[in-house]
Amino acid sequence: MKNILGSDGVEPQSSVLIPQSQAAIDEFCDTLWLEDGLAKNSLEAYRRDMRLFALWLEAHRPKSLFAVDEQDLTAYFAAKSEGKATSSNRRLAVLKRFYFLALRQNLIAVDPCLHLRSAKQPERSVNTLSESQVEALLAMPDVATPLGLRDRTMLELMYASGLRVSELVLLKSIEVGMNEGVLRITGKGDKTRLVPFGEEARSWIVRYLADARPAIMSGQIDDALFVTARGGPMTRQMFWTLIKKYAVQGAINAPLSPHTLRHAFATHLLNHGADLRVVQLLLGHADISTTQIYTHIARERLKTLHAEHHPRGR
């Protein structure tokens, strides 16, 4: 069994695929969409990884995608330098899926990925905020203004529900069950889940819908819950800009990402005793191993509390 090391490489100079490769990749993505129900962003990631491999193959070992052998794949991954195991493993997973389908369709006689294994990855971790830092962040928007009230509501709802940023900005008014206190979320793979959001977030949504959204919309019509100053739907980039702005205003000196509040949601639930599988369902993770990245942070927090408060912990 060969170990695949490295990952991120430079795209070959030629950026135009031969028609046969392009057709094979298009058919592959169509099959993924039909069979796996992958979301648009996931499909584009698969397409991008397949394209990178096909371009490398044409530049270094001119042959059909269906004539590839194990040595070709080993050379491809070995050609990558200064890469991360996560990227390498993702690309290997894409190629394994491609050649699994090719074998099933009798386009190849032997799966070239059969004896390849993933690179060992370091334990994943995420950056998150303490509860006091979250409170400071939430307090930053000026709720006396329509846009400030919108921002506070978005921050409150993300922290209360653990939504992905894309799910938050694409949320429609009709998907918010105010009486039930739940959101109907269509996540990755077009899978639907119900997510509770609690009384605090509910009160901010009520206030936003009554006092801010009508003023922002100025008579325009859009089914998005959260809208821009021009009345259109918010974007992930806009929300990320807001988080960074309010973090600066709140003097929050901690690593940030667009999903900072999603990470805080999960970590704080675990810190307060929530079951891991419940958190998995709320986050919309298909595999519980994805949710387990938060348990390391929770364990560290518990160790800190023990050291601070147990008579023999010091």
Protein backbone atom coordinates (compact mmCIF):
# COMPACT_ATOMS: atom_id res chain seq x y z
CA MET A 1 0.00 0.00 0.00
CA LYS A 2 1.38 3.34 -1.02
CA ASN A 3 1.06 6.47 1.07
CA ILE A 4 -0.02 9.60 -0.77
CA LEU A 5 1.96 12.60 0.48
CA GLY A 6 1.73 16.24 -0.46
CA SER A 7 -1.12 18.01 -2.18
CA ASP A 8 -1.27 21.54 -3.45
CA GLY A 9 0.52 21.92 -6.74
CA VAL A 10 0.71 24.38 -9.58
CA GLU A 11 -1.80 24.00 -12.36
CA PRO A 12 -0.14 23.04 -15.66
CA GLN A 13 0.41 25.87 -18.09
CA SER A 14 -2.26 24.58 -20.47
CA SER A 15 -5.70 25.33 -19.05
CA VAL A 16 -7.77 23.79 -21.85
CA LEU A 17 -8.78 20.17 -21.49
CA ILE A 18 -9.06 17.85 -24.46
CA PRO A 19 -12.73 17.16 -25.31
CA GLN A 20 -12.59 13.55 -24.11
CA SER A 21 -11.42 14.56 -20.63
CA GLN A 22 -13.92 17.39 -20.40
CA ALA A 23 -16.76 15.08 -21.40
CA ALA A 24 -15.69 12.46 -18.85
CA ILE A 25 -15.59 15.04 -16.05
CA ASP A 26 -18.96 16.49 -17.04
CA GLU A 27 -20.54 13.03 -17.01
CA PHE A 28 -18.91 12.29 -13.65
CA CYS A 29 -20.38 15.44 -12.10
CA ASP A 30 -23.80 14.70 -13.61
CA THR A 31 -23.70 11.26 -11.99
CA LEU A 32 -22.74 12.76 -8.62
CA TRP A 33 -25.64 15.18 -8.85
CA LEU A 34 -28.13 12.44 -9.75
CA GLU A 35 -26.92 9.75 -7.34
CA ASP A 36 -25.48 11.66 -4.40
CA GLY A 37 -27.52 14.85 -4.57
CA LEU A 38 -24.43 16.99 -4.04
CA ALA A 39 -24.93 20.72 -3.64
CA LYS A 40 -23.60 23.13 -6.26
CA ASN A 41 -20.53 24.12 -4.21
CA SER A 42 -19.59 20.47 -3.64
CA LEU A 43 -20.02 19.63 -7.31
CA GLU A 44 -17.77 22.51 -8.29
CA ALA A 45 -15.11 21.29 -5.84
CA TYR A 46 -15.24 17.80 -7.40
CA ARG A 47 -15.05 19.31 -10.88
CA ARG A 48 -12.08 21.49 -9.91
CA ASP A 49 -10.11 18.57 -8.46
CA MET A 50 -10.80 16.38 -11.48
CA ARG A 51 -9.80 19.20 -13.80
CA LEU A 52 -6.48 19.70 -11.98
CA PHE A 53 -5.68 16.02 -12.33
CA ALA A 54 -6.68 15.90 -16.01
CA LEU A 55 -4.54 18.95 -16.80
CA TRP A 56 -1.55 17.42 -15.02
CA LEU A 57 -2.09 14.14 -16.85
CA GLU A 58 -2.20 15.82 -20.26
CA ALA A 59 0.96 17.79 -19.50
CA HIS A 60 3.07 15.00 -18.00
CA ARG A 61 1.66 11.65 -19.09
CA PRO A 62 -0.51 12.19 -22.16
CA LYS A 63 -3.14 9.50 -21.98
CA SER A 64 -6.85 9.07 -21.47
CA LEU A 65 -8.33 9.37 -17.99
CA PHE A 66 -9.47 5.79 -18.48
CA ALA A 67 -5.93 4.55 -19.25
CA VAL A 68 -4.48 5.76 -15.94
CA ASP A 69 -2.69 3.24 -13.74
CA GLU A 70 -1.49 3.24 -10.13
CA GLN A 71 1.94 4.57 -11.12
CA ASP A 72 0.36 7.60 -12.78
CA LEU A 73 -1.58 8.44 -9.64
CA THR A 74 1.45 7.95 -7.42
CA ALA A 75 3.45 10.30 -9.65
CA TYR A 76 0.64 12.86 -9.59
CA PHE A 77 0.55 13.08 -5.80
CA ALA A 78 4.33 12.92 -5.51
CA ALA A 79 4.59 15.92 -7.85
CA LYS A 80 2.77 18.08 -5.32
CA SER A 81 4.95 20.03 -2.95
CA GLU A 82 4.30 21.74 0.37
CA GLY A 83 0.78 20.41 0.42
CA LYS A 84 -1.58 19.61 3.26
CA ALA A 85 -2.78 16.09 3.96
CA THR A 86 -6.38 17.30 3.98
CA SER A 87 -6.11 18.59 0.41
CA SER A 88 -4.30 15.47 -0.77
CA ASN A 89 -6.87 13.20 0.83
CA ARG A 90 -9.74 15.19 -0.65
CA ARG A 91 -8.29 14.85 -4.15
CA LEU A 92 -7.68 11.15 -3.63
CA ALA A 93 -11.28 10.70 -2.48
CA VAL A 94 -12.49 12.44 -5.66
CA LEU A 95 -10.35 10.20 -7.86
CA LYS A 96 -11.48 7.09 -5.98
CA ARG A 97 -15.09 8.04 -6.64
CA PHE A 98 -14.36 8.74 -10.32
CA TYR A 99 -12.66 5.40 -10.89
CA PHE A 100 -15.22 3.49 -8.83
CA LEU A 101 -17.91 4.75 -11.20
CA ALA A 102 -15.71 4.09 -14.24
CA LEU A 103 -15.22 0.48 -13.10
CA ARG A 104 -18.93 0.06 -12.51
CA GLN A 105 -19.63 1.28 -16.04
CA ASN A 106 -16.97 -1.07 -17.50
CA LEU A 107 -14.92 1.87 -18.75
CA ILE A 108 -11.83 0.42 -17.02
CA ALA A 109 -10.82 -3.13 -16.13
CA VAL A 110 -8.86 -2.34 -12.94
CA ASP A 111 -9.35 0.42 -10.38
CA PRO A 112 -6.03 2.35 -10.27
CA CYS A 113 -6.88 3.69 -6.80
CA LEU A 114 -7.34 0.25 -5.28
CA HIS A 115 -4.04 0.15 -3.36
CA LEU A 116 -3.67 3.86 -2.60
CA ARG A 117 -4.32 5.08 0.90
CA SER A 118 -4.78 8.49 2.42
CA ALA A 119 -2.06 10.48 4.11
CA LYS A 120 -2.14 10.59 7.88
CA GLN A 121 -3.73 13.79 9.11
CA PRO A 122 -2.98 15.66 12.33
CA GLU A 123 -5.88 15.96 14.74
CA ARG A 124 -8.20 18.65 13.48
CA SER A 125 -9.08 21.61 15.64
CA VAL A 126 -11.10 24.76 15.23
CA ASN A 127 -10.75 28.29 16.51
CA THR A 128 -13.62 29.45 18.64
CA LEU A 129 -14.58 32.22 21.04
CA SER A 130 -15.26 32.13 24.75
CA GLU A 131 -18.77 32.90 25.94
CA SER A 132 -17.71 36.36 27.09
CA GLN A 133 -16.13 37.06 23.70
CA VAL A 134 -19.33 36.02 21.96
CA GLU A 135 -21.33 38.36 24.21
CA ALA A 136 -18.95 41.20 23.34
CA LEU A 137 -19.30 40.49 19.62
CA LEU A 138 -23.09 40.36 19.78
CA ALA A 139 -23.22 43.69 21.61
CA MET A 140 -21.34 45.63 18.92
CA PRO A 141 -24.02 46.41 16.28
CA ASP A 142 -25.90 49.68 16.76
CA VAL A 143 -29.43 48.34 17.06
CA ALA A 144 -30.86 51.86 16.91
CA THR A 145 -30.31 51.70 13.13
CA PRO A 146 -32.03 49.30 10.70
CA LEU A 147 -28.75 47.82 9.45
CA GLY A 148 -27.37 47.50 12.96
CA LEU A 149 -30.53 45.71 14.06
CA ARG A 150 -30.21 43.40 11.05
CA ASP A 151 -26.60 42.63 11.96
CA ARG A 152 -27.42 41.91 15.60
CA THR A 153 -30.22 39.58 14.53
CA MET A 154 -27.94 37.69 12.13
CA LEU A 155 -25.26 37.27 14.78
CA GLU A 156 -27.79 36.19 17.42
CA LEU A 157 -29.42 33.69 15.08
CA MET A 158 -26.15 32.14 13.96
CA TYR A 159 -24.96 31.71 17.54
CA ALA A 160 -28.35 30.35 18.61
CA SER A 161 -28.66 27.84 15.77
CA GLY A 162 -25.15 26.98 14.56
CA LEU A 163 -26.05 27.52 10.92
CA ARG A 164 -23.43 27.51 8.20
CA VAL A 165 -22.89 31.01 6.80
CA SER A 166 -24.35 29.94 3.45
CA GLU A 167 -27.46 28.63 5.24
CA LEU A 168 -27.84 31.87 7.18
CA VAL A 169 -27.60 34.22 4.20
CA LEU A 170 -29.86 32.02 2.04
CA LEU A 171 -32.50 31.69 4.75
CA LYS A 172 -35.98 32.67 3.55
CA SER A 173 -38.64 34.28 5.72
CA ILE A 174 -40.98 31.36 5.05
CA GLU A 175 -38.40 28.94 6.52
CA VAL A 176 -38.57 30.58 9.95
CA GLY A 177 -41.20 28.97 12.16
CA MET A 178 -41.80 31.73 14.68
CA ASN A 179 -44.53 29.86 16.58
CA GLU A 180 -42.56 26.62 16.72
CA GLY A 181 -39.20 28.31 17.29
CA VAL A 182 -37.47 26.26 14.59
CA LEU A 183 -35.76 26.89 11.26
CA ARG A 184 -36.28 24.64 8.26
CA ILE A 185 -32.78 24.40 6.78
CA THR A 186 -31.75 22.87 3.47
CA GLY A 187 -28.09 22.05 3.93
CA LYS A 188 -25.38 20.14 2.09
CA GLY A 189 -26.66 17.55 -0.36
CA ASP A 190 -30.06 19.27 -0.28
CA LYS A 191 -30.79 17.54 3.04
CA THR A 192 -33.41 19.22 5.20
CA ARG A 193 -33.18 19.53 8.98
CA LEU A 194 -35.13 21.39 11.65
CA VAL A 195 -33.05 23.59 13.95
CA PRO A 196 -34.38 25.29 17.11
CA PHE A 197 -33.24 28.85 17.77
CA GLY A 198 -34.50 29.79 21.23
CA GLU A 199 -36.32 32.75 22.75
CA GLU A 200 -33.45 35.25 22.66
CA ALA A 201 -32.94 34.92 18.91
CA ARG A 202 -36.70 34.83 18.39
CA SER A 203 -37.11 38.20 20.11
CA TRP A 204 -34.46 39.72 17.85
CA ILE A 205 -36.09 38.29 14.72
CA VAL A 206 -39.46 39.74 15.78
CA ARG A 207 -37.87 43.13 16.33
CA TYR A 208 -35.95 42.97 13.04
CA LEU A 209 -39.05 42.03 11.03
CA ALA A 210 -41.07 44.81 12.63
CA ASP A 211 -38.58 47.68 12.75
CA ALA A 212 -35.66 47.04 10.41
CA ARG A 213 -36.51 44.88 7.41
CA PRO A 214 -39.39 47.06 6.13
CA ALA A 215 -37.18 50.16 6.38
CA ILE A 216 -34.34 48.45 4.52
CA MET A 217 -36.62 47.01 1.82
CA SER A 218 -38.35 50.35 1.10
CA GLY A 219 -41.23 48.63 -0.64
CA GLN A 220 -39.11 46.13 -2.57
CA ILE A 221 -40.00 42.44 -2.58
CA ASP A 222 -37.53 39.68 -1.74
CA ASP A 223 -38.12 36.42 0.10
CA ALA A 224 -34.68 36.45 1.76
CA LEU A 225 -34.92 36.97 5.52
CA PHE A 226 -31.76 39.08 5.68
CA VAL A 227 -31.25 41.74 3.04
CA THR A 228 -28.62 44.30 2.09
CA ALA A 229 -28.97 48.07 2.21
CA ARG A 230 -30.13 47.84 -1.43
CA GLY A 231 -32.82 45.32 -0.59
CA GLY A 232 -31.11 42.27 -2.10
CA PRO A 233 -30.05 39.05 -0.37
CA MET A 234 -26.95 39.01 1.81
CA THR A 235 -23.82 37.11 0.74
CA ARG A 236 -21.26 35.07 2.66
CA GLN A 237 -18.60 37.68 1.92
CA MET A 238 -20.77 40.46 3.37
CA PHE A 239 -21.39 38.51 6.56
CA TRP A 240 -17.68 37.74 6.95
CA THR A 241 -16.95 41.46 6.60
CA LEU A 242 -19.46 42.21 9.36
CA ILE A 243 -17.89 39.70 11.75
CA LYS A 244 -14.43 41.18 11.22
CA LYS A 245 -15.72 44.73 11.68
CA TYR A 246 -17.51 43.99 14.94
CA ALA A 247 -14.59 41.93 16.26
CA VAL A 248 -12.33 44.95 15.80
CA GLN A 249 -14.87 47.23 17.51
CA GLY A 250 -15.18 44.79 20.40
CA ALA A 251 -11.40 44.40 20.76
CA ILE A 252 -11.75 40.64 20.30
CA ASN A 253 -8.21 39.43 19.75
CA ALA A 254 -8.88 35.86 18.69
CA PRO A 255 -8.55 33.94 15.42
CA LEU A 256 -11.71 34.43 13.38
CA SER A 257 -13.39 32.76 10.44
CA PRO A 258 -16.78 33.15 8.76
CA HIS A 259 -17.95 30.20 10.88
CA THR A 260 -16.68 31.56 14.21
CA LEU A 261 -20.17 31.67 15.74
CA ARG A 262 -21.04 28.21 14.38
CA HIS A 263 -17.93 26.85 16.08
CA ALA A 264 -18.83 28.69 19.29
CA PHE A 265 -22.37 27.28 19.16
CA ALA A 266 -21.08 23.70 19.01
CA THR A 267 -18.30 24.14 21.55
CA HIS A 268 -20.47 25.91 24.11
CA LEU A 269 -23.19 23.26 23.81
CA LEU A 270 -20.62 20.54 24.53
CA ASN A 271 -19.15 22.57 27.39
CA HIS A 272 -22.59 22.64 28.98
CA GLY A 273 -23.12 18.90 28.65
CA ALA A 274 -24.90 18.47 25.31
CA ASP A 275 -24.76 15.02 23.72
CA LEU A 276 -22.38 14.80 20.75
CA ARG A 277 -25.00 13.22 18.50
CA VAL A 278 -27.47 15.99 19.26
CA VAL A 279 -24.85 18.56 18.25
CA GLN A 280 -24.21 16.51 15.09
CA LEU A 281 -27.89 16.72 14.14
CA LEU A 282 -28.09 20.44 14.86
CA LEU A 283 -25.00 21.18 12.76
CA GLY A 284 -26.16 18.97 9.90
CA HIS A 285 -23.02 16.82 9.85
CA ALA A 286 -23.41 13.58 7.90
CA ASP A 287 -20.57 11.94 9.85
CA ILE A 288 -20.12 12.27 13.60
CA SER A 289 -16.34 12.31 13.11
CA THR A 290 -16.77 15.83 11.71
CA THR A 291 -18.51 16.91 14.91
CA GLN A 292 -15.79 15.36 17.08
CA ILE A 293 -13.36 18.17 16.21
CA TYR A 294 -15.22 20.23 18.82
CA THR A 295 -14.74 17.71 21.62
CA HIS A 296 -11.03 18.53 21.91
CA ILE A 297 -11.87 22.15 22.72
CA ALA A 298 -14.55 21.08 25.18
CA ARG A 299 -12.14 18.71 26.93
CA GLU A 300 -9.53 21.44 27.24
CA ARG A 301 -12.15 23.77 28.73
CA LEU A 302 -13.15 21.14 31.29
CA LYS A 303 -9.51 20.58 32.24
CA THR A 304 -9.05 24.33 32.72
CA LEU A 305 -12.16 24.56 34.91
CA HIS A 306 -10.96 21.60 36.96
CA ALA A 307 -7.55 23.19 37.46
CA GLU A 308 -9.12 26.49 38.49
CA HIS A 309 -11.82 25.25 40.84
CA HIS A 310 -10.98 21.78 42.18
CA PRO A 311 -9.07 21.86 45.50
CA ARG A 312 -6.50 19.42 44.12
CA GLY A 313 -6.53 20.76 40.58
CA ARG A 314 -3.95 23.46 41.21
